[in-house]
Amino acid sequence: MKRSDDEDKQYCDRSTRMFKGNDAWYFMTRGGNTVGPFRDELEASTQLEVYIRLVNSGLLPFSHELSKEAILVRNAG
């Protein structure tokens, strides 16, 4: 659901970014990188939210390499 104060922001269905594989959960970044593994869907969802907040705050640009993303996302939780 889109909030009224987010009219100029692009809406993304975060549930399509998460997936399960090899008995672990992962999420995909806009850059096409896979971040994970996470123990369960809740942990993946939480870390995806952390990742999105870091990107939106400018602390984690889209162009970071996967290893840097994974380290920052894991340490932020």
PDB file of N, CA and C in Angstrom:
ATOM      1  N   MET A   1       0.838  -1.173   0.000  1.00  0.00           N
ATOM      2  CA  MET A   1       0.000   0.000   0.000  1.00  0.00           C
ATOM      3  C   MET A   1       0.887   1.242   0.000  1.00  0.00           C
ATOM      4  N   LYS A   2       0.511   2.195  -0.805  1.00  0.00           N
ATOM      5  CA  LYS A   2       1.279   3.429  -0.929  1.00  0.00           C
ATOM      6  C   LYS A   2       0.718   4.483   0.011  1.00  0.00           C
ATOM      7  N   ARG A   3       1.599   5.154   0.737  1.00  0.00           N
ATOM      8  CA  ARG A   3       1.165   6.223   1.630  1.00  0.00           C
ATOM      9  C   ARG A   3       0.986   7.504   0.832  1.00  0.00           C
ATOM     10  N   SER A   4       0.113   8.381   1.293  1.00  0.00           N
ATOM     11  CA  SER A   4      -0.150   9.622   0.565  1.00  0.00           C
ATOM     12  C   SER A   4       1.063  10.536   0.506  1.00  0.00           C
ATOM     13  N   ASP A   5       1.950  10.476   1.503  1.00  0.00           N
ATOM     14  CA  ASP A   5       3.128  11.331   1.491  1.00  0.00           C
ATOM     15  C   ASP A   5       4.260  10.746   0.644  1.00  0.00           C
ATOM     16  N   ASP A   6       4.042   9.574   0.046  1.00  0.00           N
ATOM     17  CA  ASP A   6       5.043   8.930  -0.804  1.00  0.00           C
ATOM     18  C   ASP A   6       4.682   9.014  -2.283  1.00  0.00           C
ATOM     19  N   GLU A   7       3.876   9.984  -2.662  1.00  0.00           N
ATOM     20  CA  GLU A   7       3.382  10.043  -4.033  1.00  0.00           C
ATOM     21  C   GLU A   7       4.490  10.107  -5.073  1.00  0.00           C
ATOM     22  N   ASP A   8       5.594  10.773  -4.796  1.00  0.00           N
ATOM     23  CA  ASP A   8       6.655  10.897  -5.779  1.00  0.00           C
ATOM     24  C   ASP A   8       7.698   9.791  -5.653  1.00  0.00           C
ATOM     25  N   LYS A   9       7.541   8.891  -4.706  1.00  0.00           N
ATOM     26  CA  LYS A   9       8.481   7.784  -4.539  1.00  0.00           C
ATOM     27  C   LYS A   9       7.955   6.561  -5.276  1.00  0.00           C
ATOM     28  N   GLN A  10       8.881   5.777  -5.806  1.00  0.00           N
ATOM     29  CA  GLN A  10       8.497   4.574  -6.531  1.00  0.00           C
ATOM     30  C   GLN A  10       8.111   3.487  -5.542  1.00  0.00           C
ATOM     31  N   TYR A  11       6.988   2.843  -5.789  1.00  0.00           N
ATOM     32  CA  TYR A  11       6.505   1.772  -4.923  1.00  0.00           C
ATOM     33  C   TYR A  11       7.100   0.443  -5.365  1.00  0.00           C
ATOM     34  N   CYS A  12       7.538  -0.363  -4.419  1.00  0.00           N
ATOM     35  CA  CYS A  12       8.100  -1.673  -4.718  1.00  0.00           C
ATOM     36  C   CYS A  12       7.443  -2.704  -3.820  1.00  0.00           C
ATOM     37  N   ASP A  13       6.952  -3.776  -4.404  1.00  0.00           N
ATOM     38  CA  ASP A  13       6.386  -4.874  -3.633  1.00  0.00           C
ATOM     39  C   ASP A  13       7.535  -5.687  -3.067  1.00  0.00           C
ATOM     40  N   ARG A  14       7.836  -5.489  -1.792  1.00  0.00           N
ATOM     41  CA  ARG A  14       9.006  -6.113  -1.180  1.00  0.00           C
ATOM     42  C   ARG A  14       8.888  -7.629  -1.124  1.00  0.00           C
ATOM     43  N   SER A  15       7.657  -8.146  -1.129  1.00  0.00           N
ATOM     44  CA  SER A  15       7.507  -9.594  -1.060  1.00  0.00           C
ATOM     45  C   SER A  15       8.060 -10.277  -2.305  1.00  0.00           C
ATOM     46  N   THR A  16       8.133  -9.578  -3.421  1.00  0.00           N
ATOM     47  CA  THR A  16       8.695 -10.183  -4.628  1.00  0.00           C
ATOM     48  C   THR A  16      10.217 -10.177  -4.600  1.00  0.00           C
ATOM     49  N   ARG A  17      10.809  -9.467  -3.681  1.00  0.00           N
ATOM     50  CA  ARG A  17      12.271  -9.438  -3.555  1.00  0.00           C
ATOM     51  C   ARG A  17      12.802 -10.597  -2.734  1.00  0.00           C
ATOM     52  N   MET A  18      11.964 -11.247  -1.949  1.00  0.00           N
ATOM     53  CA  MET A  18      12.427 -12.321  -1.071  1.00  0.00           C
ATOM     54  C   MET A  18      12.112 -13.677  -1.682  1.00  0.00           C
ATOM     55  N   PHE A  19      13.004 -14.630  -1.441  1.00  0.00           N
ATOM     56  CA  PHE A  19      12.760 -15.981  -1.934  1.00  0.00           C
ATOM     57  C   PHE A  19      13.492 -16.986  -1.051  1.00  0.00           C
ATOM     58  N   LYS A  20      13.042 -18.230  -1.132  1.00  0.00           N
ATOM     59  CA  LYS A  20      13.654 -19.308  -0.357  1.00  0.00           C
ATOM     60  C   LYS A  20      14.387 -20.240  -1.308  1.00  0.00           C
ATOM     61  N   GLY A  21      15.599 -20.629  -0.936  1.00  0.00           N
ATOM     62  CA  GLY A  21      16.379 -21.575  -1.719  1.00  0.00           C
ATOM     63  C   GLY A  21      17.391 -22.262  -0.833  1.00  0.00           C
ATOM     64  N   ASN A  22      17.577 -23.557  -1.043  1.00  0.00           N
ATOM     65  CA  ASN A  22      18.537 -24.333  -0.249  1.00  0.00           C
ATOM     66  C   ASN A  22      18.273 -24.209   1.249  1.00  0.00           C
ATOM     67  N   ASP A  23      17.014 -24.265   1.644  1.00  0.00           N
ATOM     68  CA  ASP A  23      16.603 -24.196   3.056  1.00  0.00           C
ATOM     69  C   ASP A  23      17.004 -22.903   3.763  1.00  0.00           C
ATOM     70  N   ALA A  24      17.158 -21.825   3.012  1.00  0.00           N
ATOM     71  CA  ALA A  24      17.473 -20.514   3.590  1.00  0.00           C
ATOM     72  C   ALA A  24      16.717 -19.449   2.808  1.00  0.00           C
ATOM     73  N   TRP A  25      16.608 -18.266   3.392  1.00  0.00           N
ATOM     74  CA  TRP A  25      15.917 -17.146   2.754  1.00  0.00           C
ATOM     75  C   TRP A  25      16.920 -16.113   2.270  1.00  0.00           C
ATOM     76  N   TYR A  26      16.573 -15.437   1.179  1.00  0.00           N
ATOM     77  CA  TYR A  26      17.417 -14.429   0.533  1.00  0.00           C
ATOM     78  C   TYR A  26      16.527 -13.286   0.070  1.00  0.00           C
ATOM     79  N   PHE A  27      17.166 -12.140  -0.251  1.00  0.00           N
ATOM     80  CA  PHE A  27      16.433 -11.092  -0.959  1.00  0.00           C
ATOM     81  C   PHE A  27      17.306 -10.536  -2.069  1.00  0.00           C
ATOM     82  N   MET A  28      16.635  -9.978  -3.063  1.00  0.00           N
ATOM     83  CA  MET A  28      17.313  -9.391  -4.215  1.00  0.00           C
ATOM     84  C   MET A  28      17.305  -7.875  -4.077  1.00  0.00           C
ATOM     85  N   THR A  29      18.421  -7.249  -4.434  1.00  0.00           N
ATOM     86  CA  THR A  29      18.493  -5.788  -4.449  1.00  0.00           C
ATOM     87  C   THR A  29      18.049  -5.291  -5.815  1.00  0.00           C
ATOM     88  N   ARG A  30      17.798  -3.993  -5.939  1.00  0.00           N
ATOM     89  CA  ARG A  30      17.453  -3.419  -7.246  1.00  0.00           C
ATOM     90  C   ARG A  30      18.569  -3.633  -8.253  1.00  0.00           C
ATOM     91  N   GLY A  31      19.793  -3.705  -7.760  1.00  0.00           N
ATOM     92  CA  GLY A  31      20.936  -3.929  -8.636  1.00  0.00           C
ATOM     93  C   GLY A  31      21.067  -5.368  -9.095  1.00  0.00           C
ATOM     94  N   GLY A  32      20.182  -6.243  -8.628  1.00  0.00           N
ATOM     95  CA  GLY A  32      20.199  -7.634  -9.031  1.00  0.00           C
ATOM     96  C   GLY A  32      21.078  -8.530  -8.182  1.00  0.00           C
ATOM     97  N   ASN A  33      21.596  -8.008  -7.072  1.00  0.00           N
ATOM     98  CA  ASN A  33      22.425  -8.812  -6.176  1.00  0.00           C
ATOM     99  C   ASN A  33      21.549  -9.600  -5.207  1.00  0.00           C
ATOM    100  N   THR A  34      22.024 -10.759  -4.816  1.00  0.00           N
ATOM    101  CA  THR A  34      21.344 -11.599  -3.840  1.00  0.00           C
ATOM    102  C   THR A  34      22.029 -11.422  -2.495  1.00  0.00           C
ATOM    103  N   VAL A  35      21.241 -11.169  -1.444  1.00  0.00           N
ATOM    104  CA  VAL A  35      21.770 -10.992  -0.092  1.00  0.00           C
ATOM    105  C   VAL A  35      21.184 -12.092   0.790  1.00  0.00           C
ATOM    106  N   GLY A  36      22.016 -12.745   1.551  1.00  0.00           N
ATOM    107  CA  GLY A  36      21.599 -13.811   2.426  1.00  0.00           C
ATOM    108  C   GLY A  36      22.750 -14.777   2.599  1.00  0.00           C
ATOM    109  N   PRO A  37      22.574 -15.886   3.150  1.00  0.00           N
ATOM    110  CA  PRO A  37      21.308 -16.509   3.565  1.00  0.00           C
ATOM    111  C   PRO A  37      20.852 -16.036   4.944  1.00  0.00           C
ATOM    112  N   PHE A  38      19.544 -16.152   5.154  1.00  0.00           N
ATOM    113  CA  PHE A  38      18.931 -15.839   6.438  1.00  0.00           C
ATOM    114  C   PHE A  38      18.198 -17.077   6.929  1.00  0.00           C
ATOM    115  N   ARG A  39      18.076 -17.218   8.244  1.00  0.00           N
ATOM    116  CA  ARG A  39      17.477 -18.420   8.846  1.00  0.00           C
ATOM    117  C   ARG A  39      16.031 -18.635   8.451  1.00  0.00           C
ATOM    118  N   ASP A  40      15.270 -17.535   8.397  1.00  0.00           N
ATOM    119  CA  ASP A  40      13.848 -17.672   8.118  1.00  0.00           C
ATOM    120  C   ASP A  40      13.333 -16.431   7.392  1.00  0.00           C
ATOM    121  N   GLU A  41      12.069 -16.476   7.014  1.00  0.00           N
ATOM    122  CA  GLU A  41      11.466 -15.379   6.263  1.00  0.00           C
ATOM    123  C   GLU A  41      11.433 -14.084   7.068  1.00  0.00           C
ATOM    124  N   LEU A  42      11.188 -14.178   8.357  1.00  0.00           N
ATOM    125  CA  LEU A  42      11.155 -12.989   9.205  1.00  0.00           C
ATOM    126  C   LEU A  42      12.508 -12.288   9.222  1.00  0.00           C
ATOM    127  N   GLU A  43      13.596 -13.047   9.372  1.00  0.00           N
ATOM    128  CA  GLU A  43      14.927 -12.438   9.374  1.00  0.00           C
ATOM    129  C   GLU A  43      15.237 -11.796   8.022  1.00  0.00           C
ATOM    130  N   ALA A  44      14.877 -12.467   6.932  1.00  0.00           N
ATOM    131  CA  ALA A  44      15.103 -11.909   5.591  1.00  0.00           C
ATOM    132  C   ALA A  44      14.311 -10.623   5.410  1.00  0.00           C
ATOM    133  N   SER A  45      13.066 -10.620   5.855  1.00  0.00           N
ATOM    134  CA  SER A  45      12.220  -9.434   5.745  1.00  0.00           C
ATOM    135  C   SER A  45      12.777  -8.273   6.563  1.00  0.00           C
ATOM    136  N   THR A  46      13.228  -8.568   7.767  1.00  0.00           N
ATOM    137  CA  THR A  46      13.809  -7.544   8.632  1.00  0.00           C
ATOM    138  C   THR A  46      15.068  -6.955   8.011  1.00  0.00           C
ATOM    139  N   GLN A  47      15.934  -7.814   7.492  1.00  0.00           N
ATOM    140  CA  GLN A  47      17.176  -7.346   6.884  1.00  0.00           C
ATOM    141  C   GLN A  47      16.927  -6.603   5.577  1.00  0.00           C
ATOM    142  N   LEU A  48      15.887  -6.982   4.849  1.00  0.00           N
ATOM    143  CA  LEU A  48      15.515  -6.236   3.647  1.00  0.00           C
ATOM    144  C   LEU A  48      15.090  -4.824   4.030  1.00  0.00           C
ATOM    145  N   GLU A  49      14.332  -4.701   5.084  1.00  0.00           N
ATOM    146  CA  GLU A  49      13.908  -3.382   5.570  1.00  0.00           C
ATOM    147  C   GLU A  49      15.111  -2.548   5.990  1.00  0.00           C
ATOM    148  N   VAL A  50      16.064  -3.158   6.675  1.00  0.00           N
ATOM    149  CA  VAL A  50      17.299  -2.461   7.070  1.00  0.00           C
ATOM    150  C   VAL A  50      18.046  -1.991   5.829  1.00  0.00           C
ATOM    151  N   TYR A  51      18.173  -2.880   4.853  1.00  0.00           N
ATOM    152  CA  TYR A  51      18.862  -2.550   3.609  1.00  0.00           C
ATOM    153  C   TYR A  51      18.196  -1.347   2.916  1.00  0.00           C
ATOM    154  N   ILE A  52      16.873  -1.379   2.818  1.00  0.00           N
ATOM    155  CA  ILE A  52      16.139  -0.293   2.157  1.00  0.00           C
ATOM    156  C   ILE A  52      16.334   1.021   2.905  1.00  0.00           C
ATOM    157  N   ARG A  53      16.306   0.985   4.226  1.00  0.00           N
ATOM    158  CA  ARG A  53      16.532   2.202   5.021  1.00  0.00           C
ATOM    159  C   ARG A  53      17.951   2.746   4.823  1.00  0.00           C
ATOM    160  N   LEU A  54      18.935   1.847   4.746  1.00  0.00           N
ATOM    161  CA  LEU A  54      20.314   2.287   4.503  1.00  0.00           C
ATOM    162  C   LEU A  54      20.446   2.947   3.132  1.00  0.00           C
ATOM    163  N   VAL A  55      19.859   2.351   2.125  1.00  0.00           N
ATOM    164  CA  VAL A  55      19.916   2.926   0.777  1.00  0.00           C
ATOM    165  C   VAL A  55      19.197   4.271   0.747  1.00  0.00           C
ATOM    166  N   ASN A  56      17.997   4.340   1.325  1.00  0.00           N
ATOM    167  CA  ASN A  56      17.227   5.589   1.324  1.00  0.00           C
ATOM    168  C   ASN A  56      17.914   6.703   2.098  1.00  0.00           C
ATOM    169  N   SER A  57      18.713   6.345   3.093  1.00  0.00           N
ATOM    170  CA  SER A  57      19.416   7.357   3.884  1.00  0.00           C
ATOM    171  C   SER A  57      20.714   7.807   3.213  1.00  0.00           C
ATOM    172  N   GLY A  58      21.103   7.113   2.148  1.00  0.00           N
ATOM    173  CA  GLY A  58      22.330   7.462   1.450  1.00  0.00           C
ATOM    174  C   GLY A  58      23.564   6.787   2.022  1.00  0.00           C
ATOM    175  N   LEU A  59      23.380   5.948   3.028  1.00  0.00           N
ATOM    176  CA  LEU A  59      24.511   5.263   3.653  1.00  0.00           C
ATOM    177  C   LEU A  59      24.982   4.047   2.855  1.00  0.00           C
ATOM    178  N   LEU A  60      24.137   3.555   1.952  1.00  0.00           N
ATOM    179  CA  LEU A  60      24.473   2.382   1.159  1.00  0.00           C
ATOM    180  C   LEU A  60      24.021   2.600  -0.280  1.00  0.00           C
ATOM    181  N   PRO A  61      24.889   3.110  -1.124  1.00  0.00           N
ATOM    182  CA  PRO A  61      24.503   3.353  -2.522  1.00  0.00           C
ATOM    183  C   PRO A  61      24.182   2.053  -3.236  1.00  0.00           C
ATOM    184  N   PHE A  62      23.363   2.148  -4.287  1.00  0.00           N
ATOM    185  CA  PHE A  62      22.967   0.980  -5.064  1.00  0.00           C
ATOM    186  C   PHE A  62      24.171   0.270  -5.675  1.00  0.00           C
ATOM    187  N   SER A  63      25.259   0.966  -5.917  1.00  0.00           N
ATOM    188  CA  SER A  63      26.363   0.414  -6.679  1.00  0.00           C
ATOM    189  C   SER A  63      27.355  -0.402  -5.860  1.00  0.00           C
ATOM    190  N   HIS A  64      27.122  -0.566  -4.551  1.00  0.00           N
ATOM    191  CA  HIS A  64      28.049  -1.349  -3.727  1.00  0.00           C
ATOM    192  C   HIS A  64      28.111  -2.789  -4.197  1.00  0.00           C
ATOM    193  N   GLU A  65      29.259  -3.404  -4.015  1.00  0.00           N
ATOM    194  CA  GLU A  65      29.426  -4.805  -4.343  1.00  0.00           C
ATOM    195  C   GLU A  65      28.643  -5.656  -3.356  1.00  0.00           C
ATOM    196  N   LEU A  66      28.285  -6.853  -3.771  1.00  0.00           N
ATOM    197  CA  LEU A  66      27.484  -7.739  -2.933  1.00  0.00           C
ATOM    198  C   LEU A  66      28.129  -7.992  -1.577  1.00  0.00           C
ATOM    199  N   SER A  67      29.420  -8.240  -1.549  1.00  0.00           N
ATOM    200  CA  SER A  67      30.061  -8.544  -0.274  1.00  0.00           C
ATOM    201  C   SER A  67      29.945  -7.381   0.698  1.00  0.00           C
ATOM    202  N   LYS A  68      30.066  -6.157   0.206  1.00  0.00           N
ATOM    203  CA  LYS A  68      29.920  -4.999   1.080  1.00  0.00           C
ATOM    204  C   LYS A  68      28.474  -4.868   1.546  1.00  0.00           C
ATOM    205  N   GLU A  69      27.503  -5.123   0.651  1.00  0.00           N
ATOM    206  CA  GLU A  69      26.088  -5.052   1.033  1.00  0.00           C
ATOM    207  C   GLU A  69      25.801  -6.063   2.122  1.00  0.00           C
ATOM    208  N   ALA A  70      26.234  -7.288   1.920  1.00  0.00           N
ATOM    209  CA  ALA A  70      25.940  -8.348   2.874  1.00  0.00           C
ATOM    210  C   ALA A  70      26.529  -8.033   4.245  1.00  0.00           C
ATOM    211  N   ILE A  71      27.741  -7.508   4.282  1.00  0.00           N
ATOM    212  CA  ILE A  71      28.373  -7.174   5.545  1.00  0.00           C
ATOM    213  C   ILE A  71      27.612  -6.059   6.240  1.00  0.00           C
ATOM    214  N   LEU A  72      27.270  -5.010   5.508  1.00  0.00           N
ATOM    215  CA  LEU A  72      26.546  -3.894   6.108  1.00  0.00           C
ATOM    216  C   LEU A  72      25.167  -4.293   6.569  1.00  0.00           C
ATOM    217  N   VAL A  73      24.444  -5.074   5.774  1.00  0.00           N
ATOM    218  CA  VAL A  73      23.097  -5.475   6.148  1.00  0.00           C
ATOM    219  C   VAL A  73      23.134  -6.385   7.360  1.00  0.00           C
ATOM    220  N   ARG A  74      24.057  -7.339   7.401  1.00  0.00           N
ATOM    221  CA  ARG A  74      24.155  -8.262   8.534  1.00  0.00           C
ATOM    222  C   ARG A  74      24.549  -7.525   9.810  1.00  0.00           C
ATOM    223  N   ASN A  75      25.458  -6.557   9.726  1.00  0.00           N
ATOM    224  CA  ASN A  75      25.914  -5.846  10.916  1.00  0.00           C
ATOM    225  C   ASN A  75      24.922  -4.811  11.396  1.00  0.00           C
ATOM    226  N   ALA A  76      24.002  -4.394  10.546  1.00  0.00           N
ATOM    227  CA  ALA A  76      23.039  -3.373  10.928  1.00  0.00           C
ATOM    228  C   ALA A  76      21.913  -3.957  11.755  1.00  0.00           C
ATOM    229  N   GLY A  77      21.702  -5.265  11.710  1.00  0.00           N
ATOM    230  CA  GLY A  77      20.573  -5.903  12.386  1.00  0.00           C
ATOM    231  C   GLY A  77      20.777  -6.188  13.822  1.00  0.00           C
TER     232      GLY A  77
END
